[in-house]
């Protein structure tokens, strides 16, 4: 079962003993936005917001993306999908100033893929 971004953020937040309000304040967003992301009501998170959430959680945006591609095996252990691992490793290898552009490009590609699937 693949975890979506909202579930990943919730797990990471709870692991850090943070409330939704604390994460929201640290990331510069409102608590209801965090709630919507975690519940799956909001699935399109911008790259700037992703970076702020990652920083508030003490991670890189690449680490959040990698975590979002985690799958649980039947034994309960974590397994990263090879595709997501490769993508995150490539993004993390970029100079810090290039992360935002790379994530924007990934967002654009994902939107294009979703649009072509829906046609």
PDB file of N, CA and C in Angstrom:
ATOM      1  N   UNK A   1       0.846  -1.173   0.000  1.00  0.00           N
ATOM      2  CA  UNK A   1       0.000   0.000   0.000  1.00  0.00           C
ATOM      3  C   UNK A   1       0.893   1.239   0.000  1.00  0.00           C
ATOM      4  N   UNK A   2       0.751   2.102  -0.961  1.00  0.00           N
ATOM      5  CA  UNK A   2       1.534   3.322  -1.046  1.00  0.00           C
ATOM      6  C   UNK A   2       0.890   4.410  -0.201  1.00  0.00           C
ATOM      7  N   UNK A   3       1.703   5.141   0.518  1.00  0.00           N
ATOM      8  CA  UNK A   3       1.218   6.225   1.371  1.00  0.00           C
ATOM      9  C   UNK A   3       1.151   7.495   0.547  1.00  0.00           C
ATOM     10  N   UNK A   4       0.088   8.272   0.699  1.00  0.00           N
ATOM     11  CA  UNK A   4       0.043   9.563   0.019  1.00  0.00           C
ATOM     12  C   UNK A   4       0.687  10.625   0.896  1.00  0.00           C
ATOM     13  N   UNK A   5       0.944  11.771   0.349  1.00  0.00           N
ATOM     14  CA  UNK A   5       1.668  12.841   1.019  1.00  0.00           C
ATOM     15  C   UNK A   5       1.049  13.212   2.365  1.00  0.00           C
ATOM     16  N   UNK A   6      -0.254  13.313   2.440  1.00  0.00           N
ATOM     17  CA  UNK A   6      -0.913  13.701   3.683  1.00  0.00           C
ATOM     18  C   UNK A   6      -0.662  12.728   4.817  1.00  0.00           C
ATOM     19  N   UNK A   7      -0.743  11.441   4.514  1.00  0.00           N
ATOM     20  CA  UNK A   7      -0.476  10.442   5.549  1.00  0.00           C
ATOM     21  C   UNK A   7       0.980  10.506   5.986  1.00  0.00           C
ATOM     22  N   UNK A   8       1.872  10.740   5.039  1.00  0.00           N
ATOM     23  CA  UNK A   8       3.292  10.850   5.361  1.00  0.00           C
ATOM     24  C   UNK A   8       3.542  12.025   6.290  1.00  0.00           C
ATOM     25  N   UNK A   9       2.966  13.164   5.970  1.00  0.00           N
ATOM     26  CA  UNK A   9       3.154  14.357   6.805  1.00  0.00           C
ATOM     27  C   UNK A   9       2.585  14.111   8.197  1.00  0.00           C
ATOM     28  N   UNK A  10       1.449  13.464   8.272  1.00  0.00           N
ATOM     29  CA  UNK A  10       0.853  13.166   9.580  1.00  0.00           C
ATOM     30  C   UNK A  10       1.783  12.278  10.402  1.00  0.00           C
ATOM     31  N   UNK A  11       2.297  11.217   9.801  1.00  0.00           N
ATOM     32  CA  UNK A  11       3.205  10.308  10.514  1.00  0.00           C
ATOM     33  C   UNK A  11       4.447  11.048  10.986  1.00  0.00           C
ATOM     34  N   UNK A  12       5.040  11.839  10.099  1.00  0.00           N
ATOM     35  CA  UNK A  12       6.248  12.584  10.461  1.00  0.00           C
ATOM     36  C   UNK A  12       5.963  13.588  11.574  1.00  0.00           C
ATOM     37  N   UNK A  13       4.821  14.239  11.509  1.00  0.00           N
ATOM     38  CA  UNK A  13       4.438  15.215  12.534  1.00  0.00           C
ATOM     39  C   UNK A  13       4.275  14.530  13.890  1.00  0.00           C
ATOM     40  N   UNK A  14       3.577  13.416  13.894  1.00  0.00           N
ATOM     41  CA  UNK A  14       3.338  12.685  15.144  1.00  0.00           C
ATOM     42  C   UNK A  14       4.646  12.136  15.711  1.00  0.00           C
ATOM     43  N   UNK A  15       5.527  11.636  14.830  1.00  0.00           N
ATOM     44  CA  UNK A  15       6.829  11.147  15.281  1.00  0.00           C
ATOM     45  C   UNK A  15       7.613  12.234  16.009  1.00  0.00           C
ATOM     46  N   UNK A  16       7.357  13.485  15.631  1.00  0.00           N
ATOM     47  CA  UNK A  16       8.076  14.613  16.231  1.00  0.00           C
ATOM     48  C   UNK A  16       7.283  15.252  17.379  1.00  0.00           C
ATOM     49  N   UNK A  17       6.205  14.590  17.782  1.00  0.00           N
ATOM     50  CA  UNK A  17       5.355  15.082  18.873  1.00  0.00           C
ATOM     51  C   UNK A  17       4.876  16.511  18.621  1.00  0.00           C
ATOM     52  N   UNK A  18       4.504  16.780  17.379  1.00  0.00           N
ATOM     53  CA  UNK A  18       3.995  18.100  17.015  1.00  0.00           C
ATOM     54  C   UNK A  18       2.493  18.025  16.803  1.00  0.00           C
ATOM     55  N   UNK A  19       1.800  19.066  17.216  1.00  0.00           N
ATOM     56  CA  UNK A  19       0.377  19.180  16.905  1.00  0.00           C
ATOM     57  C   UNK A  19       0.248  19.779  15.503  1.00  0.00           C
ATOM     58  N   UNK A  20      -0.945  19.701  14.944  1.00  0.00           N
ATOM     59  CA  UNK A  20      -1.179  20.344  13.649  1.00  0.00           C
ATOM     60  C   UNK A  20      -0.925  21.839  13.762  1.00  0.00           C
ATOM     61  N   UNK A  21      -1.328  22.433  14.871  1.00  0.00           N
ATOM     62  CA  UNK A  21      -1.126  23.873  15.072  1.00  0.00           C
ATOM     63  C   UNK A  21       0.360  24.229  15.117  1.00  0.00           C
ATOM     64  N   UNK A  22       1.154  23.407  15.799  1.00  0.00           N
ATOM     65  CA  UNK A  22       2.596  23.664  15.878  1.00  0.00           C
ATOM     66  C   UNK A  22       3.252  23.558  14.507  1.00  0.00           C
ATOM     67  N   UNK A  23       2.883  22.528  13.744  1.00  0.00           N
ATOM     68  CA  UNK A  23       3.441  22.379  12.404  1.00  0.00           C
ATOM     69  C   UNK A  23       3.009  23.543  11.522  1.00  0.00           C
ATOM     70  N   UNK A  24       1.749  23.907  11.603  1.00  0.00           N
ATOM     71  CA  UNK A  24       1.242  25.015  10.794  1.00  0.00           C
ATOM     72  C   UNK A  24       1.998  26.300  11.103  1.00  0.00           C
ATOM     73  N   UNK A  25       2.188  26.588  12.371  1.00  0.00           N
ATOM     74  CA  UNK A  25       2.895  27.810  12.753  1.00  0.00           C
ATOM     75  C   UNK A  25       4.339  27.776  12.253  1.00  0.00           C
ATOM     76  N   UNK A  26       5.008  26.639  12.408  1.00  0.00           N
ATOM     77  CA  UNK A  26       6.405  26.518  11.979  1.00  0.00           C
ATOM     78  C   UNK A  26       6.541  26.631  10.461  1.00  0.00           C
ATOM     79  N   UNK A  27       5.515  26.187   9.720  1.00  0.00           N
ATOM     80  CA  UNK A  27       5.567  26.212   8.254  1.00  0.00           C
ATOM     81  C   UNK A  27       4.937  27.466   7.660  1.00  0.00           C
ATOM     82  N   UNK A  28       4.321  28.293   8.501  1.00  0.00           N
ATOM     83  CA  UNK A  28       3.719  29.525   8.009  1.00  0.00           C
ATOM     84  C   UNK A  28       2.412  29.325   7.268  1.00  0.00           C
ATOM     85  N   UNK A  29       1.638  28.318   7.688  1.00  0.00           N
ATOM     86  CA  UNK A  29       0.320  28.078   7.097  1.00  0.00           C
ATOM     87  C   UNK A  29      -0.697  27.986   8.239  1.00  0.00           C
ATOM     88  N   UNK A  30      -1.965  27.891   7.895  1.00  0.00           N
ATOM     89  CA  UNK A  30      -2.991  27.768   8.925  1.00  0.00           C
ATOM     90  C   UNK A  30      -3.208  26.290   9.267  1.00  0.00           C
ATOM     91  N   UNK A  31      -3.695  26.031  10.482  1.00  0.00           N
ATOM     92  CA  UNK A  31      -3.895  24.658  10.932  1.00  0.00           C
ATOM     93  C   UNK A  31      -4.863  23.891  10.038  1.00  0.00           C
ATOM     94  N   UNK A  32      -5.903  24.563   9.557  1.00  0.00           N
ATOM     95  CA  UNK A  32      -6.883  23.876   8.707  1.00  0.00           C
ATOM     96  C   UNK A  32      -6.247  23.362   7.418  1.00  0.00           C
ATOM     97  N   UNK A  33      -5.212  24.059   6.936  1.00  0.00           N
ATOM     98  CA  UNK A  33      -4.501  23.608   5.732  1.00  0.00           C
ATOM     99  C   UNK A  33      -3.782  22.291   6.018  1.00  0.00           C
ATOM    100  N   UNK A  34      -3.146  22.201   7.176  1.00  0.00           N
ATOM    101  CA  UNK A  34      -2.473  20.959   7.573  1.00  0.00           C
ATOM    102  C   UNK A  34      -3.505  19.840   7.682  1.00  0.00           C
ATOM    103  N   UNK A  35      -4.625  20.142   8.292  1.00  0.00           N
ATOM    104  CA  UNK A  35      -5.693  19.150   8.436  1.00  0.00           C
ATOM    105  C   UNK A  35      -6.169  18.650   7.072  1.00  0.00           C
ATOM    106  N   UNK A  36      -6.346  19.569   6.134  1.00  0.00           N
ATOM    107  CA  UNK A  36      -6.801  19.192   4.794  1.00  0.00           C
ATOM    108  C   UNK A  36      -5.765  18.332   4.070  1.00  0.00           C
ATOM    109  N   UNK A  37      -4.478  18.657   4.234  1.00  0.00           N
ATOM    110  CA  UNK A  37      -3.414  17.856   3.608  1.00  0.00           C
ATOM    111  C   UNK A  37      -3.425  16.453   4.200  1.00  0.00           C
ATOM    112  N   UNK A  38      -3.429  16.380   5.534  1.00  0.00           N
ATOM    113  CA  UNK A  38      -3.352  15.085   6.198  1.00  0.00           C
ATOM    114  C   UNK A  38      -4.558  14.200   5.909  1.00  0.00           C
ATOM    115  N   UNK A  39      -5.730  14.802   5.766  1.00  0.00           N
ATOM    116  CA  UNK A  39      -6.942  14.017   5.510  1.00  0.00           C
ATOM    117  C   UNK A  39      -7.096  13.637   4.039  1.00  0.00           C
ATOM    118  N   UNK A  40      -6.272  14.213   3.180  1.00  0.00           N
ATOM    119  CA  UNK A  40      -6.376  13.923   1.760  1.00  0.00           C
ATOM    120  C   UNK A  40      -7.334  14.835   1.023  1.00  0.00           C
ATOM    121  N   UNK A  41      -7.955  15.786   1.730  1.00  0.00           N
ATOM    122  CA  UNK A  41      -8.853  16.738   1.073  1.00  0.00           C
ATOM    123  C   UNK A  41      -8.068  17.686   0.182  1.00  0.00           C
ATOM    124  N   UNK A  42      -6.817  17.907   0.524  1.00  0.00           N
ATOM    125  CA  UNK A  42      -5.936  18.776  -0.266  1.00  0.00           C
ATOM    126  C   UNK A  42      -4.762  17.910  -0.717  1.00  0.00           C
ATOM    127  N   UNK A  43      -4.690  17.597  -2.008  1.00  0.00           N
ATOM    128  CA  UNK A  43      -3.628  16.718  -2.501  1.00  0.00           C
ATOM    129  C   UNK A  43      -2.572  17.452  -3.313  1.00  0.00           C
ATOM    130  N   UNK A  44      -2.886  18.657  -3.758  1.00  0.00           N
ATOM    131  CA  UNK A  44      -1.944  19.422  -4.559  1.00  0.00           C
ATOM    132  C   UNK A  44      -1.249  20.446  -3.664  1.00  0.00           C
ATOM    133  N   UNK A  45      -0.084  20.091  -3.148  1.00  0.00           N
ATOM    134  CA  UNK A  45       0.681  20.972  -2.278  1.00  0.00           C
ATOM    135  C   UNK A  45       1.790  21.595  -3.123  1.00  0.00           C
ATOM    136  N   UNK A  46       1.871  22.907  -3.122  1.00  0.00           N
ATOM    137  CA  UNK A  46       2.886  23.607  -3.903  1.00  0.00           C
ATOM    138  C   UNK A  46       4.293  23.319  -3.412  1.00  0.00           C
ATOM    139  N   UNK A  47       5.251  23.541  -4.282  1.00  0.00           N
ATOM    140  CA  UNK A  47       6.640  23.234  -3.927  1.00  0.00           C
ATOM    141  C   UNK A  47       7.149  24.113  -2.796  1.00  0.00           C
ATOM    142  N   UNK A  48       6.754  25.382  -2.767  1.00  0.00           N
ATOM    143  CA  UNK A  48       7.192  26.262  -1.678  1.00  0.00           C
ATOM    144  C   UNK A  48       6.637  25.772  -0.349  1.00  0.00           C
ATOM    145  N   UNK A  49       5.373  25.387  -0.340  1.00  0.00           N
ATOM    146  CA  UNK A  49       4.760  24.874   0.880  1.00  0.00           C
ATOM    147  C   UNK A  49       5.415  23.561   1.292  1.00  0.00           C
ATOM    148  N   UNK A  50       5.703  22.704   0.324  1.00  0.00           N
ATOM    149  CA  UNK A  50       6.374  21.443   0.623  1.00  0.00           C
ATOM    150  C   UNK A  50       7.725  21.702   1.288  1.00  0.00           C
ATOM    151  N   UNK A  51       8.475  22.666   0.772  1.00  0.00           N
ATOM    152  CA  UNK A  51       9.766  23.008   1.372  1.00  0.00           C
ATOM    153  C   UNK A  51       9.587  23.529   2.799  1.00  0.00           C
ATOM    154  N   UNK A  52       8.572  24.365   3.021  1.00  0.00           N
ATOM    155  CA  UNK A  52       8.348  24.905   4.368  1.00  0.00           C
ATOM    156  C   UNK A  52       7.915  23.810   5.336  1.00  0.00           C
ATOM    157  N   UNK A  53       7.060  22.898   4.882  1.00  0.00           N
ATOM    158  CA  UNK A  53       6.650  21.780   5.731  1.00  0.00           C
ATOM    159  C   UNK A  53       7.851  20.898   6.058  1.00  0.00           C
ATOM    160  N   UNK A  54       8.654  20.623   5.045  1.00  0.00           N
ATOM    161  CA  UNK A  54       9.842  19.792   5.263  1.00  0.00           C
ATOM    162  C   UNK A  54      10.779  20.442   6.274  1.00  0.00           C
ATOM    163  N   UNK A  55      11.025  21.726   6.110  1.00  0.00           N
ATOM    164  CA  UNK A  55      11.907  22.436   7.044  1.00  0.00           C
ATOM    165  C   UNK A  55      11.344  22.404   8.458  1.00  0.00           C
ATOM    166  N   UNK A  56      10.036  22.586   8.589  1.00  0.00           N
ATOM    167  CA  UNK A  56       9.400  22.559   9.910  1.00  0.00           C
ATOM    168  C   UNK A  56       9.514  21.184  10.553  1.00  0.00           C
ATOM    169  N   UNK A  57       9.586  20.151   9.720  1.00  0.00           N
ATOM    170  CA  UNK A  57       9.730  18.786  10.217  1.00  0.00           C
ATOM    171  C   UNK A  57      11.200  18.366  10.336  1.00  0.00           C
ATOM    172  N   UNK A  58      12.104  19.278   9.951  1.00  0.00           N
ATOM    173  CA  UNK A  58      13.530  18.983  10.044  1.00  0.00           C
ATOM    174  C   UNK A  58      14.035  18.063   8.951  1.00  0.00           C
ATOM    175  N   UNK A  59      13.383  18.110   7.790  1.00  0.00           N
ATOM    176  CA  UNK A  59      13.737  17.243   6.668  1.00  0.00           C
ATOM    177  C   UNK A  59      13.901  18.055   5.400  1.00  0.00           C
ATOM    178  N   UNK A  60      14.400  17.420   4.362  1.00  0.00           N
ATOM    179  CA  UNK A  60      14.422  18.052   3.047  1.00  0.00           C
ATOM    180  C   UNK A  60      13.119  17.698   2.326  1.00  0.00           C
ATOM    181  N   UNK A  61      12.802  18.477   1.316  1.00  0.00           N
ATOM    182  CA  UNK A  61      11.617  18.162   0.506  1.00  0.00           C
ATOM    183  C   UNK A  61      11.786  16.801  -0.157  1.00  0.00           C
ATOM    184  N   UNK A  62      13.014  16.480  -0.565  1.00  0.00           N
ATOM    185  CA  UNK A  62      13.286  15.164  -1.153  1.00  0.00           C
ATOM    186  C   UNK A  62      12.980  14.034  -0.194  1.00  0.00           C
ATOM    187  N   UNK A  63      13.296  14.240   1.075  1.00  0.00           N
ATOM    188  CA  UNK A  63      13.004  13.204   2.075  1.00  0.00           C
ATOM    189  C   UNK A  63      11.497  13.018   2.242  1.00  0.00           C
ATOM    190  N   UNK A  64      10.753  14.125   2.166  1.00  0.00           N
ATOM    191  CA  UNK A  64       9.281  14.022   2.257  1.00  0.00           C
ATOM    192  C   UNK A  64       8.762  13.237   1.058  1.00  0.00           C
ATOM    193  N   UNK A  65       9.268  13.553  -0.130  1.00  0.00           N
ATOM    194  CA  UNK A  65       8.823  12.824  -1.322  1.00  0.00           C
ATOM    195  C   UNK A  65       9.182  11.355  -1.229  1.00  0.00           C
ATOM    196  N   UNK A  66      10.390  11.061  -0.752  1.00  0.00           N
ATOM    197  CA  UNK A  66      10.803   9.668  -0.589  1.00  0.00           C
ATOM    198  C   UNK A  66       9.880   8.967   0.389  1.00  0.00           C
ATOM    199  N   UNK A  67       9.611   9.617   1.498  1.00  0.00           N
ATOM    200  CA  UNK A  67       8.717   9.017   2.498  1.00  0.00           C
ATOM    201  C   UNK A  67       7.322   8.795   1.939  1.00  0.00           C
ATOM    202  N   UNK A  68       6.885   9.662   1.046  1.00  0.00           N
ATOM    203  CA  UNK A  68       5.554   9.510   0.449  1.00  0.00           C
ATOM    204  C   UNK A  68       5.478   8.303  -0.470  1.00  0.00           C
ATOM    205  N   UNK A  69       6.633   7.794  -0.892  1.00  0.00           N
ATOM    206  CA  UNK A  69       6.664   6.607  -1.746  1.00  0.00           C
ATOM    207  C   UNK A  69       6.917   5.334  -0.979  1.00  0.00           C
ATOM    208  N   UNK A  70       6.848   5.404   0.340  1.00  0.00           N
ATOM    209  CA  UNK A  70       7.084   4.227   1.170  1.00  0.00           C
ATOM    210  C   UNK A  70       5.896   3.294   1.065  1.00  0.00           C
ATOM    211  N   UNK A  71       6.186   2.023   0.958  1.00  0.00           N
ATOM    212  CA  UNK A  71       5.129   1.010   0.966  1.00  0.00           C
ATOM    213  C   UNK A  71       5.365   0.084   2.149  1.00  0.00           C
ATOM    214  N   UNK A  72       4.300  -0.362   2.767  1.00  0.00           N
ATOM    215  CA  UNK A  72       4.416  -1.287   3.886  1.00  0.00           C
ATOM    216  C   UNK A  72       4.300  -2.706   3.365  1.00  0.00           C
ATOM    217  N   UNK A  73       5.242  -3.552   3.761  1.00  0.00           N
ATOM    218  CA  UNK A  73       5.156  -4.960   3.394  1.00  0.00           C
ATOM    219  C   UNK A  73       4.172  -5.647   4.333  1.00  0.00           C
ATOM    220  N   UNK A  74       3.831  -6.875   4.031  1.00  0.00           N
ATOM    221  CA  UNK A  74       2.903  -7.605   4.893  1.00  0.00           C
ATOM    222  C   UNK A  74       3.488  -7.815   6.281  1.00  0.00           C
ATOM    223  N   UNK A  75       4.817  -7.791   6.401  1.00  0.00           N
ATOM    224  CA  UNK A  75       5.451  -7.968   7.709  1.00  0.00           C
ATOM    225  C   UNK A  75       5.497  -6.656   8.483  1.00  0.00           C
ATOM    226  N   UNK A  76       5.074  -5.551   7.855  1.00  0.00           N
ATOM    227  CA  UNK A  76       5.065  -4.270   8.526  1.00  0.00           C
ATOM    228  C   UNK A  76       6.346  -3.479   8.375  1.00  0.00           C
ATOM    229  N   UNK A  77       7.325  -4.025   7.657  1.00  0.00           N
ATOM    230  CA  UNK A  77       8.561  -3.274   7.454  1.00  0.00           C
ATOM    231  C   UNK A  77       8.377  -2.295   6.300  1.00  0.00           C
ATOM    232  N   UNK A  78       9.248  -1.311   6.222  1.00  0.00           N
ATOM    233  CA  UNK A  78       9.133  -0.284   5.201  1.00  0.00           C
ATOM    234  C   UNK A  78       9.958  -0.635   3.979  1.00  0.00           C
ATOM    235  N   UNK A  79       9.388  -0.398   2.825  1.00  0.00           N
ATOM    236  CA  UNK A  79      10.091  -0.626   1.566  1.00  0.00           C
ATOM    237  C   UNK A  79       9.878   0.591   0.675  1.00  0.00           C
ATOM    238  N   UNK A  80      10.958   1.187   0.196  1.00  0.00           N
ATOM    239  CA  UNK A  80      10.843   2.317  -0.723  1.00  0.00           C
ATOM    240  C   UNK A  80      10.692   1.803  -2.137  1.00  0.00           C
ATOM    241  N   UNK A  81       9.813   2.442  -2.886  1.00  0.00           N
ATOM    242  CA  UNK A  81       9.732   2.056  -4.285  1.00  0.00           C
ATOM    243  C   UNK A  81      11.008   2.556  -4.962  1.00  0.00           C
ATOM    244  N   UNK A  82      11.591   1.774  -5.851  1.00  0.00           N
ATOM    245  CA  UNK A  82      12.844   2.171  -6.506  1.00  0.00           C
ATOM    246  C   UNK A  82      12.717   3.478  -7.282  1.00  0.00           C
ATOM    247  N   UNK A  83      11.553   3.705  -7.878  1.00  0.00           N
ATOM    248  CA  UNK A  83      11.360   4.914  -8.665  1.00  0.00           C
ATOM    249  C   UNK A  83      11.403   6.159  -7.790  1.00  0.00           C
ATOM    250  N   UNK A  84      10.707   6.110  -6.655  1.00  0.00           N
ATOM    251  CA  UNK A  84      10.668   7.260  -5.762  1.00  0.00           C
ATOM    252  C   UNK A  84      12.034   7.479  -5.123  1.00  0.00           C
ATOM    253  N   UNK A  85      12.722   6.414  -4.780  1.00  0.00           N
ATOM    254  CA  UNK A  85      14.067   6.520  -4.208  1.00  0.00           C
ATOM    255  C   UNK A  85      15.004   7.217  -5.206  1.00  0.00           C
ATOM    256  N   UNK A  86      14.955   6.802  -6.466  1.00  0.00           N
ATOM    257  CA  UNK A  86      15.814   7.411  -7.499  1.00  0.00           C
ATOM    258  C   UNK A  86      15.511   8.887  -7.665  1.00  0.00           C
ATOM    259  N   UNK A  87      14.231   9.213  -7.721  1.00  0.00           N
ATOM    260  CA  UNK A  87      13.826  10.605  -7.891  1.00  0.00           C
ATOM    261  C   UNK A  87      14.303  11.454  -6.718  1.00  0.00           C
ATOM    262  N   UNK A  88      14.063  10.990  -5.516  1.00  0.00           N
ATOM    263  CA  UNK A  88      14.469  11.751  -4.329  1.00  0.00           C
ATOM    264  C   UNK A  88      15.984  11.900  -4.262  1.00  0.00           C
ATOM    265  N   UNK A  89      16.713  10.856  -4.589  1.00  0.00           N
ATOM    266  CA  UNK A  89      18.174  10.932  -4.560  1.00  0.00           C
ATOM    267  C   UNK A  89      18.686  11.951  -5.580  1.00  0.00           C
ATOM    268  N   UNK A  90      18.062  11.976  -6.737  1.00  0.00           N
ATOM    269  CA  UNK A  90      18.476  12.943  -7.763  1.00  0.00           C
ATOM    270  C   UNK A  90      18.164  14.368  -7.350  1.00  0.00           C
ATOM    271  N   UNK A  91      17.010  14.582  -6.763  1.00  0.00           N
ATOM    272  CA  UNK A  91      16.656  15.927  -6.306  1.00  0.00           C
ATOM    273  C   UNK A  91      17.571  16.355  -5.168  1.00  0.00           C
ATOM    274  N   UNK A  92      17.810  15.462  -4.218  1.00  0.00           N
ATOM    275  CA  UNK A  92      18.680  15.805  -3.088  1.00  0.00           C
ATOM    276  C   UNK A  92      20.113  16.080  -3.530  1.00  0.00           C
ATOM    277  N   UNK A  93      20.545  15.502  -4.644  1.00  0.00           N
ATOM    278  CA  UNK A  93      21.914  15.714  -5.130  1.00  0.00           C
ATOM    279  C   UNK A  93      22.096  17.082  -5.793  1.00  0.00           C
ATOM    280  N   UNK A  94      20.998  17.744  -6.107  1.00  0.00           N
ATOM    281  CA  UNK A  94      21.079  19.066  -6.729  1.00  0.00           C
ATOM    282  C   UNK A  94      21.538  20.105  -5.711  1.00  0.00           C
ATOM    283  N   UNK A  95      22.120  21.190  -6.194  1.00  0.00           N
ATOM    284  CA  UNK A  95      22.435  22.287  -5.271  1.00  0.00           C
ATOM    285  C   UNK A  95      21.137  22.815  -4.661  1.00  0.00           C
ATOM    286  N   UNK A  96      21.179  23.292  -3.412  1.00  0.00           N
ATOM    287  CA  UNK A  96      19.948  23.722  -2.725  1.00  0.00           C
ATOM    288  C   UNK A  96      19.082  24.680  -3.533  1.00  0.00           C
ATOM    289  N   UNK A  97      19.653  25.589  -4.265  1.00  0.00           N
ATOM    290  CA  UNK A  97      18.859  26.534  -5.041  1.00  0.00           C
ATOM    291  C   UNK A  97      18.089  25.890  -6.182  1.00  0.00           C
ATOM    292  N   UNK A  98      18.491  24.711  -6.586  1.00  0.00           N
ATOM    293  CA  UNK A  98      17.842  24.033  -7.710  1.00  0.00           C
ATOM    294  C   UNK A  98      16.692  23.133  -7.271  1.00  0.00           C
ATOM    295  N   UNK A  99      16.564  22.866  -5.981  1.00  0.00           N
ATOM    296  CA  UNK A  99      15.495  21.987  -5.500  1.00  0.00           C
ATOM    297  C   UNK A  99      14.123  22.505  -5.894  1.00  0.00           C
ATOM    298  N   UNK A 100      13.903  23.790  -5.699  1.00  0.00           N
ATOM    299  CA  UNK A 100      12.596  24.388  -6.003  1.00  0.00           C
ATOM    300  C   UNK A 100      12.243  24.205  -7.481  1.00  0.00           C
ATOM    301  N   UNK A 101      13.202  24.465  -8.364  1.00  0.00           N
ATOM    302  CA  UNK A 101      12.940  24.307  -9.810  1.00  0.00           C
ATOM    303  C   UNK A 101      12.669  22.852 -10.162  1.00  0.00           C
ATOM    304  N   UNK A 102      13.433  21.937  -9.572  1.00  0.00           N
ATOM    305  CA  UNK A 102      13.236  20.514  -9.859  1.00  0.00           C
ATOM    306  C   UNK A 102      11.857  20.056  -9.392  1.00  0.00           C
ATOM    307  N   UNK A 103      11.456  20.484  -8.204  1.00  0.00           N
ATOM    308  CA  UNK A 103      10.144  20.092  -7.695  1.00  0.00           C
ATOM    309  C   UNK A 103       9.016  20.711  -8.524  1.00  0.00           C
ATOM    310  N   UNK A 104       9.215  21.934  -8.992  1.00  0.00           N
ATOM    311  CA  UNK A 104       8.215  22.564  -9.857  1.00  0.00           C
ATOM    312  C   UNK A 104       8.071  21.772 -11.159  1.00  0.00           C
ATOM    313  N   UNK A 105       9.185  21.305 -11.682  1.00  0.00           N
ATOM    314  CA  UNK A 105       9.154  20.504 -12.899  1.00  0.00           C
ATOM    315  C   UNK A 105       8.438  19.173 -12.651  1.00  0.00           C
ATOM    316  N   UNK A 106       8.738  18.537 -11.531  1.00  0.00           N
ATOM    317  CA  UNK A 106       8.070  17.284 -11.180  1.00  0.00           C
ATOM    318  C   UNK A 106       6.563  17.520 -11.040  1.00  0.00           C
ATOM    319  N   UNK A 107       6.177  18.605 -10.351  1.00  0.00           N
ATOM    320  CA  UNK A 107       4.752  18.944 -10.221  1.00  0.00           C
ATOM    321  C   UNK A 107       4.094  19.077 -11.584  1.00  0.00           C
ATOM    322  N   UNK A 108       4.769  19.759 -12.500  1.00  0.00           N
ATOM    323  CA  UNK A 108       4.233  19.980 -13.841  1.00  0.00           C
ATOM    324  C   UNK A 108       4.054  18.650 -14.581  1.00  0.00           C
ATOM    325  N   UNK A 109       5.039  17.788 -14.483  1.00  0.00           N
ATOM    326  CA  UNK A 109       4.959  16.482 -15.152  1.00  0.00           C
ATOM    327  C   UNK A 109       3.819  15.657 -14.565  1.00  0.00           C
ATOM    328  N   UNK A 110       3.709  15.650 -13.233  1.00  0.00           N
ATOM    329  CA  UNK A 110       2.652  14.887 -12.581  1.00  0.00           C
ATOM    330  C   UNK A 110       1.281  15.388 -13.003  1.00  0.00           C
ATOM    331  N   UNK A 111       1.109  16.715 -13.049  1.00  0.00           N
ATOM    332  CA  UNK A 111      -0.173  17.273 -13.497  1.00  0.00           C
ATOM    333  C   UNK A 111      -0.468  16.836 -14.933  1.00  0.00           C
ATOM    334  N   UNK A 112       0.553  16.849 -15.789  1.00  0.00           N
ATOM    335  CA  UNK A 112       0.369  16.430 -17.175  1.00  0.00           C
ATOM    336  C   UNK A 112      -0.026  14.970 -17.284  1.00  0.00           C
ATOM    337  N   UNK A 113       0.594  14.124 -16.466  1.00  0.00           N
ATOM    338  CA  UNK A 113       0.258  12.705 -16.473  1.00  0.00           C
ATOM    339  C   UNK A 113      -1.178  12.501 -15.993  1.00  0.00           C
ATOM    340  N   UNK A 114      -1.556  13.189 -14.908  1.00  0.00           N
ATOM    341  CA  UNK A 114      -2.934  13.082 -14.415  1.00  0.00           C
ATOM    342  C   UNK A 114      -3.926  13.536 -15.478  1.00  0.00           C
ATOM    343  N   UNK A 115      -3.617  14.631 -16.166  1.00  0.00           N
ATOM    344  CA  UNK A 115      -4.516  15.147 -17.199  1.00  0.00           C
ATOM    345  C   UNK A 115      -4.665  14.141 -18.344  1.00  0.00           C
ATOM    346  N   UNK A 116      -3.560  13.515 -18.748  1.00  0.00           N
ATOM    347  CA  UNK A 116      -3.638  12.568 -19.864  1.00  0.00           C
ATOM    348  C   UNK A 116      -4.374  11.295 -19.477  1.00  0.00           C
ATOM    349  N   UNK A 117      -4.293  10.903 -18.211  1.00  0.00           N
ATOM    350  CA  UNK A 117      -5.003   9.721 -17.744  1.00  0.00           C
ATOM    351  C   UNK A 117      -6.502   9.977 -17.679  1.00  0.00           C
ATOM    352  N   UNK A 118      -6.867  11.206 -17.313  1.00  0.00           N
ATOM    353  CA  UNK A 118      -8.289  11.549 -17.177  1.00  0.00           C
ATOM    354  C   UNK A 118      -8.976  11.735 -18.512  1.00  0.00           C
ATOM    355  N   UNK A 119      -8.228  11.915 -19.591  1.00  0.00           N
ATOM    356  CA  UNK A 119      -8.833  12.151 -20.914  1.00  0.00           C
ATOM    357  C   UNK A 119      -9.456  10.925 -21.480  1.00  0.00           C
TER     358      UNK A 119
END
